[in-house]
Amino acid sequence: MSITREIHERLEAAFAPTRLDVVDDSERHRGHAGYREGGESHFRVAITAPAFAGMSRLERHRAIHAALGEDVIGQIHALALSVEA
């Protein structure tokens, strides 16, 4: 399974979001640190879910990292997050 799909499925399962966009942004980073041929090294995620209500920005980011797990986080170079309740 692709990393993009894995990110999407894990976040969907963990947070039941009302909005979830997972974008492989790797091509924009060609020639930069962490880039690899074939992509799936740099991602942008926009997620909106009631589960984030009452959480600080840091708590939201930690919750996303926990939901993705070390195995997914360890395969990517960069993860830009836009998180709303």
PDB file of N, CA and C in Angstrom:
ATOM      1  N   MET A   1       0.845  -1.178   0.000  1.00  0.00           N
ATOM      2  CA  MET A   1       0.000   0.000   0.000  1.00  0.00           C
ATOM      3  C   MET A   1       0.889   1.239   0.000  1.00  0.00           C
ATOM      4  N   SER A   2       0.456   2.262  -0.708  1.00  0.00           N
ATOM      5  CA  SER A   2       1.237   3.499  -0.748  1.00  0.00           C
ATOM      6  C   SER A   2       1.186   4.203   0.608  1.00  0.00           C
ATOM      7  N   ILE A   3       2.180   5.019   0.855  1.00  0.00           N
ATOM      8  CA  ILE A   3       2.207   5.782   2.107  1.00  0.00           C
ATOM      9  C   ILE A   3       1.032   6.753   2.145  1.00  0.00           C
ATOM     10  N   THR A   4       0.720   7.355   1.003  1.00  0.00           N
ATOM     11  CA  THR A   4      -0.407   8.286   0.926  1.00  0.00           C
ATOM     12  C   THR A   4      -1.686   7.600   1.387  1.00  0.00           C
ATOM     13  N   ARG A   5      -1.932   6.421   0.884  1.00  0.00           N
ATOM     14  CA  ARG A   5      -3.138   5.663   1.239  1.00  0.00           C
ATOM     15  C   ARG A   5      -3.106   5.250   2.718  1.00  0.00           C
ATOM     16  N   GLU A   6      -1.949   4.863   3.181  1.00  0.00           N
ATOM     17  CA  GLU A   6      -1.793   4.462   4.588  1.00  0.00           C
ATOM     18  C   GLU A   6      -2.116   5.630   5.514  1.00  0.00           C
ATOM     19  N   ILE A   7      -1.592   6.812   5.196  1.00  0.00           N
ATOM     20  CA  ILE A   7      -1.885   8.010   5.991  1.00  0.00           C
ATOM     21  C   ILE A   7      -3.391   8.254   6.011  1.00  0.00           C
ATOM     22  N   HIS A   8      -4.001   8.218   4.847  1.00  0.00           N
ATOM     23  CA  HIS A   8      -5.439   8.477   4.740  1.00  0.00           C
ATOM     24  C   HIS A   8      -6.237   7.474   5.571  1.00  0.00           C
ATOM     25  N   GLU A   9      -5.947   6.202   5.434  1.00  0.00           N
ATOM     26  CA  GLU A   9      -6.702   5.175   6.159  1.00  0.00           C
ATOM     27  C   GLU A   9      -6.529   5.269   7.667  1.00  0.00           C
ATOM     28  N   ARG A  10      -5.313   5.526   8.114  1.00  0.00           N
ATOM     29  CA  ARG A  10      -5.082   5.608   9.568  1.00  0.00           C
ATOM     30  C   ARG A  10      -5.760   6.819  10.178  1.00  0.00           C
ATOM     31  N   LEU A  11      -5.725   7.961   9.503  1.00  0.00           N
ATOM     32  CA  LEU A  11      -6.377   9.159  10.029  1.00  0.00           C
ATOM     33  C   LEU A  11      -7.888   9.025   9.979  1.00  0.00           C
ATOM     34  N   GLU A  12      -8.389   8.417   8.933  1.00  0.00           N
ATOM     35  CA  GLU A  12      -9.835   8.168   8.819  1.00  0.00           C
ATOM     36  C   GLU A  12     -10.302   7.286   9.976  1.00  0.00           C
ATOM     37  N   ALA A  13      -9.576   6.227  10.249  1.00  0.00           N
ATOM     38  CA  ALA A  13      -9.950   5.295  11.319  1.00  0.00           C
ATOM     39  C   ALA A  13      -9.852   5.938  12.705  1.00  0.00           C
ATOM     40  N   ALA A  14      -8.840   6.760  12.913  1.00  0.00           N
ATOM     41  CA  ALA A  14      -8.598   7.335  14.243  1.00  0.00           C
ATOM     42  C   ALA A  14      -9.531   8.496  14.577  1.00  0.00           C
ATOM     43  N   PHE A  15      -9.892   9.304  13.572  1.00  0.00           N
ATOM     44  CA  PHE A  15     -10.589  10.553  13.878  1.00  0.00           C
ATOM     45  C   PHE A  15     -11.960  10.732  13.213  1.00  0.00           C
ATOM     46  N   ALA A  16     -12.360   9.858  12.295  1.00  0.00           N
ATOM     47  CA  ALA A  16     -13.628  10.004  11.566  1.00  0.00           C
ATOM     48  C   ALA A  16     -13.818  11.456  11.115  1.00  0.00           C
ATOM     49  N   PRO A  17     -12.877  11.972  10.341  1.00  0.00           N
ATOM     50  CA  PRO A  17     -12.920  13.381   9.980  1.00  0.00           C
ATOM     51  C   PRO A  17     -14.071  13.755   9.047  1.00  0.00           C
ATOM     52  N   THR A  18     -14.475  15.003   9.130  1.00  0.00           N
ATOM     53  CA  THR A  18     -15.460  15.532   8.192  1.00  0.00           C
ATOM     54  C   THR A  18     -14.768  16.030   6.929  1.00  0.00           C
ATOM     55  N   ARG A  19     -13.470  16.275   7.034  1.00  0.00           N
ATOM     56  CA  ARG A  19     -12.650  16.662   5.882  1.00  0.00           C
ATOM     57  C   ARG A  19     -11.269  16.048   6.073  1.00  0.00           C
ATOM     58  N   LEU A  20     -10.743  15.450   5.006  1.00  0.00           N
ATOM     59  CA  LEU A  20      -9.403  14.890   5.053  1.00  0.00           C
ATOM     60  C   LEU A  20      -8.786  14.951   3.668  1.00  0.00           C
ATOM     61  N   ASP A  21      -7.727  15.731   3.546  1.00  0.00           N
ATOM     62  CA  ASP A  21      -6.975  15.838   2.300  1.00  0.00           C
ATOM     63  C   ASP A  21      -5.527  15.448   2.594  1.00  0.00           C
ATOM     64  N   VAL A  22      -5.048  14.447   1.877  1.00  0.00           N
ATOM     65  CA  VAL A  22      -3.663  14.007   2.014  1.00  0.00           C
ATOM     66  C   VAL A  22      -3.012  14.217   0.654  1.00  0.00           C
ATOM     67  N   VAL A  23      -2.025  15.117   0.618  1.00  0.00           N
ATOM     68  CA  VAL A  23      -1.381  15.486  -0.640  1.00  0.00           C
ATOM     69  C   VAL A  23       0.098  15.124  -0.587  1.00  0.00           C
ATOM     70  N   ASP A  24       0.528  14.339  -1.569  1.00  0.00           N
ATOM     71  CA  ASP A  24       1.952  14.037  -1.730  1.00  0.00           C
ATOM     72  C   ASP A  24       2.585  15.250  -2.400  1.00  0.00           C
ATOM     73  N   ASP A  25       3.327  16.000  -1.632  1.00  0.00           N
ATOM     74  CA  ASP A  25       3.921  17.266  -2.068  1.00  0.00           C
ATOM     75  C   ASP A  25       5.396  17.100  -2.441  1.00  0.00           C
ATOM     76  N   SER A  26       5.830  15.877  -2.656  1.00  0.00           N
ATOM     77  CA  SER A  26       7.245  15.567  -2.839  1.00  0.00           C
ATOM     78  C   SER A  26       7.881  16.267  -4.036  1.00  0.00           C
ATOM     79  N   GLU A  27       7.172  16.346  -5.157  1.00  0.00           N
ATOM     80  CA  GLU A  27       7.761  16.939  -6.362  1.00  0.00           C
ATOM     81  C   GLU A  27       8.183  18.390  -6.146  1.00  0.00           C
ATOM     82  N   ARG A  28       7.484  19.099  -5.282  1.00  0.00           N
ATOM     83  CA  ARG A  28       7.852  20.492  -4.984  1.00  0.00           C
ATOM     84  C   ARG A  28       9.177  20.576  -4.246  1.00  0.00           C
ATOM     85  N   HIS A  29       9.672  19.432  -3.758  1.00  0.00           N
ATOM     86  CA  HIS A  29      10.905  19.407  -2.967  1.00  0.00           C
ATOM     87  C   HIS A  29      12.043  18.691  -3.680  1.00  0.00           C
ATOM     88  N   ARG A  30      11.871  18.470  -4.974  1.00  0.00           N
ATOM     89  CA  ARG A  30      12.923  17.831  -5.764  1.00  0.00           C
ATOM     90  C   ARG A  30      14.225  18.611  -5.584  1.00  0.00           C
ATOM     91  N   GLY A  31      15.291  17.895  -5.266  1.00  0.00           N
ATOM     92  CA  GLY A  31      16.589  18.531  -5.063  1.00  0.00           C
ATOM     93  C   GLY A  31      16.849  18.971  -3.631  1.00  0.00           C
ATOM     94  N   HIS A  32      15.838  18.890  -2.791  1.00  0.00           N
ATOM     95  CA  HIS A  32      15.999  19.271  -1.385  1.00  0.00           C
ATOM     96  C   HIS A  32      16.249  18.036  -0.532  1.00  0.00           C
ATOM     97  N   ALA A  33      16.632  18.276   0.682  1.00  0.00           N
ATOM     98  CA  ALA A  33      16.886  17.175   1.627  1.00  0.00           C
ATOM     99  C   ALA A  33      15.651  16.301   1.779  1.00  0.00           C
ATOM    100  N   GLY A  34      15.867  15.026   1.805  1.00  0.00           N
ATOM    101  CA  GLY A  34      14.788  14.091   2.050  1.00  0.00           C
ATOM    102  C   GLY A  34      14.010  13.663   0.828  1.00  0.00           C
ATOM    103  N   TYR A  35      14.202  14.339  -0.298  1.00  0.00           N
ATOM    104  CA  TYR A  35      13.478  13.962  -1.512  1.00  0.00           C
ATOM    105  C   TYR A  35      13.992  12.616  -2.017  1.00  0.00           C
ATOM    106  N   ARG A  36      13.072  11.794  -2.515  1.00  0.00           N
ATOM    107  CA  ARG A  36      13.486  10.552  -3.160  1.00  0.00           C
ATOM    108  C   ARG A  36      12.646  10.352  -4.425  1.00  0.00           C
ATOM    109  N   GLU A  37      13.244   9.724  -5.405  1.00  0.00           N
ATOM    110  CA  GLU A  37      12.540   9.440  -6.649  1.00  0.00           C
ATOM    111  C   GLU A  37      11.280   8.633  -6.349  1.00  0.00           C
ATOM    112  N   GLY A  38      10.232   8.939  -7.041  1.00  0.00           N
ATOM    113  CA  GLY A  38       8.972   8.236  -6.826  1.00  0.00           C
ATOM    114  C   GLY A  38       8.065   8.929  -5.831  1.00  0.00           C
ATOM    115  N   GLY A  39       8.580   9.938  -5.156  1.00  0.00           N
ATOM    116  CA  GLY A  39       7.752  10.709  -4.223  1.00  0.00           C
ATOM    117  C   GLY A  39       7.535  10.024  -2.894  1.00  0.00           C
ATOM    118  N   GLU A  40       6.427  10.400  -2.286  1.00  0.00           N
ATOM    119  CA  GLU A  40       6.025   9.914  -0.975  1.00  0.00           C
ATOM    120  C   GLU A  40       7.071  10.180   0.107  1.00  0.00           C
ATOM    121  N   SER A  41       7.644  11.373   0.065  1.00  0.00           N
ATOM    122  CA  SER A  41       8.596  11.794   1.090  1.00  0.00           C
ATOM    123  C   SER A  41       8.120  13.048   1.831  1.00  0.00           C
ATOM    124  N   HIS A  42       7.317  13.872   1.166  1.00  0.00           N
ATOM    125  CA  HIS A  42       6.823  15.122   1.736  1.00  0.00           C
ATOM    126  C   HIS A  42       5.297  15.151   1.575  1.00  0.00           C
ATOM    127  N   PHE A  43       4.594  15.436   2.663  1.00  0.00           N
ATOM    128  CA  PHE A  43       3.135  15.424   2.619  1.00  0.00           C
ATOM    129  C   PHE A  43       2.537  16.668   3.251  1.00  0.00           C
ATOM    130  N   ARG A  44       1.349  17.031   2.742  1.00  0.00           N
ATOM    131  CA  ARG A  44       0.503  18.059   3.348  1.00  0.00           C
ATOM    132  C   ARG A  44      -0.805  17.373   3.709  1.00  0.00           C
ATOM    133  N   VAL A  45      -1.236  17.539   4.946  1.00  0.00           N
ATOM    134  CA  VAL A  45      -2.495  16.959   5.407  1.00  0.00           C
ATOM    135  C   VAL A  45      -3.359  18.079   5.971  1.00  0.00           C
ATOM    136  N   ALA A  46      -4.599  18.149   5.470  1.00  0.00           N
ATOM    137  CA  ALA A  46      -5.602  19.057   6.029  1.00  0.00           C
ATOM    138  C   ALA A  46      -6.703  18.164   6.583  1.00  0.00           C
ATOM    139  N   ILE A  47      -7.002  18.318   7.858  1.00  0.00           N
ATOM    140  CA  ILE A  47      -7.988  17.459   8.504  1.00  0.00           C
ATOM    141  C   ILE A  47      -8.871  18.281   9.434  1.00  0.00           C
ATOM    142  N   THR A  48     -10.158  17.995   9.372  1.00  0.00           N
ATOM    143  CA  THR A  48     -11.134  18.602  10.269  1.00  0.00           C
ATOM    144  C   THR A  48     -11.911  17.463  10.911  1.00  0.00           C
ATOM    145  N   ALA A  49     -11.942  17.457  12.242  1.00  0.00           N
ATOM    146  CA  ALA A  49     -12.654  16.401  12.955  1.00  0.00           C
ATOM    147  C   ALA A  49     -13.093  16.889  14.325  1.00  0.00           C
ATOM    148  N   PRO A  50     -14.307  16.550  14.723  1.00  0.00           N
ATOM    149  CA  PRO A  50     -14.778  16.917  16.062  1.00  0.00           C
ATOM    150  C   PRO A  50     -13.865  16.390  17.169  1.00  0.00           C
ATOM    151  N   ALA A  51     -13.147  15.317  16.913  1.00  0.00           N
ATOM    152  CA  ALA A  51     -12.256  14.722  17.920  1.00  0.00           C
ATOM    153  C   ALA A  51     -11.180  15.699  18.400  1.00  0.00           C
ATOM    154  N   PHE A  52     -10.906  16.726  17.616  1.00  0.00           N
ATOM    155  CA  PHE A  52      -9.866  17.688  17.980  1.00  0.00           C
ATOM    156  C   PHE A  52     -10.381  18.834  18.858  1.00  0.00           C
ATOM    157  N   ALA A  53     -11.674  18.877  19.096  1.00  0.00           N
ATOM    158  CA  ALA A  53     -12.252  19.951  19.917  1.00  0.00           C
ATOM    159  C   ALA A  53     -11.622  19.931  21.307  1.00  0.00           C
ATOM    160  N   GLY A  54     -11.246  21.095  21.776  1.00  0.00           N
ATOM    161  CA  GLY A  54     -10.674  21.219  23.112  1.00  0.00           C
ATOM    162  C   GLY A  54      -9.186  20.909  23.188  1.00  0.00           C
ATOM    163  N   MET A  55      -8.592  20.468  22.098  1.00  0.00           N
ATOM    164  CA  MET A  55      -7.154  20.177  22.087  1.00  0.00           C
ATOM    165  C   MET A  55      -6.362  21.399  21.640  1.00  0.00           C
ATOM    166  N   SER A  56      -5.192  21.562  22.211  1.00  0.00           N
ATOM    167  CA  SER A  56      -4.294  22.612  21.747  1.00  0.00           C
ATOM    168  C   SER A  56      -3.691  22.173  20.412  1.00  0.00           C
ATOM    169  N   ARG A  57      -3.032  23.088  19.740  1.00  0.00           N
ATOM    170  CA  ARG A  57      -2.372  22.763  18.479  1.00  0.00           C
ATOM    171  C   ARG A  57      -1.362  21.627  18.674  1.00  0.00           C
ATOM    172  N   LEU A  58      -0.577  21.708  19.725  1.00  0.00           N
ATOM    173  CA  LEU A  58       0.416  20.674  20.002  1.00  0.00           C
ATOM    174  C   LEU A  58      -0.248  19.318  20.264  1.00  0.00           C
ATOM    175  N   GLU A  59      -1.328  19.312  21.031  1.00  0.00           N
ATOM    176  CA  GLU A  59      -2.041  18.060  21.307  1.00  0.00           C
ATOM    177  C   GLU A  59      -2.606  17.451  20.024  1.00  0.00           C
ATOM    178  N   ARG A  60      -3.107  18.288  19.132  1.00  0.00           N
ATOM    179  CA  ARG A  60      -3.640  17.804  17.852  1.00  0.00           C
ATOM    180  C   ARG A  60      -2.538  17.153  17.021  1.00  0.00           C
ATOM    181  N   HIS A  61      -1.394  17.818  16.945  1.00  0.00           N
ATOM    182  CA  HIS A  61      -0.277  17.279  16.170  1.00  0.00           C
ATOM    183  C   HIS A  61       0.235  15.967  16.774  1.00  0.00           C
ATOM    184  N   ARG A  62       0.313  15.922  18.086  1.00  0.00           N
ATOM    185  CA  ARG A  62       0.747  14.683  18.749  1.00  0.00           C
ATOM    186  C   ARG A  62      -0.243  13.544  18.492  1.00  0.00           C
ATOM    187  N   ALA A  63      -1.533  13.862  18.502  1.00  0.00           N
ATOM    188  CA  ALA A  63      -2.559  12.843  18.252  1.00  0.00           C
ATOM    189  C   ALA A  63      -2.434  12.290  16.828  1.00  0.00           C
ATOM    190  N   ILE A  64      -2.159  13.163  15.886  1.00  0.00           N
ATOM    191  CA  ILE A  64      -1.987  12.714  14.494  1.00  0.00           C
ATOM    192  C   ILE A  64      -0.749  11.839  14.368  1.00  0.00           C
ATOM    193  N   HIS A  65       0.347  12.264  14.949  1.00  0.00           N
ATOM    194  CA  HIS A  65       1.576  11.459  14.895  1.00  0.00           C
ATOM    195  C   HIS A  65       1.351  10.091  15.544  1.00  0.00           C
ATOM    196  N   ALA A  66       0.634  10.057  16.660  1.00  0.00           N
ATOM    197  CA  ALA A  66       0.355   8.782  17.323  1.00  0.00           C
ATOM    198  C   ALA A  66      -0.518   7.890  16.443  1.00  0.00           C
ATOM    199  N   ALA A  67      -1.511   8.483  15.787  1.00  0.00           N
ATOM    200  CA  ALA A  67      -2.405   7.701  14.915  1.00  0.00           C
ATOM    201  C   ALA A  67      -1.656   7.143  13.709  1.00  0.00           C
ATOM    202  N   LEU A  68      -0.701   7.894  13.195  1.00  0.00           N
ATOM    203  CA  LEU A  68       0.067   7.421  12.039  1.00  0.00           C
ATOM    204  C   LEU A  68       1.043   6.329  12.443  1.00  0.00           C
ATOM    205  N   GLY A  69       1.591   6.451  13.635  1.00  0.00           N
ATOM    206  CA  GLY A  69       2.524   5.442  14.127  1.00  0.00           C
ATOM    207  C   GLY A  69       3.947   5.668  13.642  1.00  0.00           C
ATOM    208  N   GLU A  70       4.873   5.124  14.395  1.00  0.00           N
ATOM    209  CA  GLU A  70       6.296   5.297  14.075  1.00  0.00           C
ATOM    210  C   GLU A  70       6.669   4.688  12.734  1.00  0.00           C
ATOM    211  N   ASP A  71       5.979   3.612  12.340  1.00  0.00           N
ATOM    212  CA  ASP A  71       6.314   2.973  11.073  1.00  0.00           C
ATOM    213  C   ASP A  71       6.038   3.891   9.879  1.00  0.00           C
ATOM    214  N   VAL A  72       4.944   4.639   9.914  1.00  0.00           N
ATOM    215  CA  VAL A  72       4.647   5.581   8.821  1.00  0.00           C
ATOM    216  C   VAL A  72       5.504   6.832   8.964  1.00  0.00           C
ATOM    217  N   ILE A  73       5.552   7.406  10.152  1.00  0.00           N
ATOM    218  CA  ILE A  73       6.340   8.620  10.370  1.00  0.00           C
ATOM    219  C   ILE A  73       7.796   8.389   9.965  1.00  0.00           C
ATOM    220  N   GLY A  74       8.326   7.216  10.243  1.00  0.00           N
ATOM    221  CA  GLY A  74       9.710   6.903   9.911  1.00  0.00           C
ATOM    222  C   GLY A  74      10.000   6.807   8.422  1.00  0.00           C
ATOM    223  N   GLN A  75       8.958   6.709   7.597  1.00  0.00           N
ATOM    224  CA  GLN A  75       9.141   6.585   6.155  1.00  0.00           C
ATOM    225  C   GLN A  75       9.060   7.917   5.418  1.00  0.00           C
ATOM    226  N   ILE A  76       8.642   8.961   6.114  1.00  0.00           N
ATOM    227  CA  ILE A  76       8.482  10.249   5.438  1.00  0.00           C
ATOM    228  C   ILE A  76       9.479  11.274   5.985  1.00  0.00           C
ATOM    229  N   HIS A  77       9.758  12.270   5.149  1.00  0.00           N
ATOM    230  CA  HIS A  77      10.714  13.298   5.534  1.00  0.00           C
ATOM    231  C   HIS A  77      10.018  14.504   6.161  1.00  0.00           C
ATOM    232  N   ALA A  78       8.858  14.882   5.610  1.00  0.00           N
ATOM    233  CA  ALA A  78       8.187  16.094   6.082  1.00  0.00           C
ATOM    234  C   ALA A  78       6.677  15.898   6.079  1.00  0.00           C
ATOM    235  N   LEU A  79       6.022  16.440   7.103  1.00  0.00           N
ATOM    236  CA  LEU A  79       4.573  16.363   7.240  1.00  0.00           C
ATOM    237  C   LEU A  79       4.067  17.723   7.679  1.00  0.00           C
ATOM    238  N   ALA A  80       3.381  18.419   6.776  1.00  0.00           N
ATOM    239  CA  ALA A  80       2.780  19.709   7.091  1.00  0.00           C
ATOM    240  C   ALA A  80       1.318  19.474   7.447  1.00  0.00           C
ATOM    241  N   LEU A  81       0.891  19.989   8.602  1.00  0.00           N
ATOM    242  CA  LEU A  81      -0.460  19.731   9.088  1.00  0.00           C
ATOM    243  C   LEU A  81      -1.291  20.994   9.222  1.00  0.00           C
ATOM    244  N   SER A  82      -2.529  20.894   8.785  1.00  0.00           N
ATOM    245  CA  SER A  82      -3.547  21.914   9.013  1.00  0.00           C
ATOM    246  C   SER A  82      -4.689  21.174   9.703  1.00  0.00           C
ATOM    247  N   VAL A  83      -4.900  21.464  10.986  1.00  0.00           N
ATOM    248  CA  VAL A  83      -5.838  20.676  11.794  1.00  0.00           C
ATOM    249  C   VAL A  83      -6.891  21.593  12.412  1.00  0.00           C
ATOM    250  N   GLU A  84      -8.170  21.216  12.232  1.00  0.00           N
ATOM    251  CA  GLU A  84      -9.264  21.982  12.801  1.00  0.00           C
ATOM    252  C   GLU A  84     -10.271  21.050  13.457  1.00  0.00           C
ATOM    253  N   ALA A  85     -10.967  21.592  14.444  1.00  0.00           N
ATOM    254  CA  ALA A  85     -12.018  20.808  15.118  1.00  0.00           C
ATOM    255  C   ALA A  85     -13.330  20.958  14.377  1.00  0.00           C
TER     256      ALA A  85
END
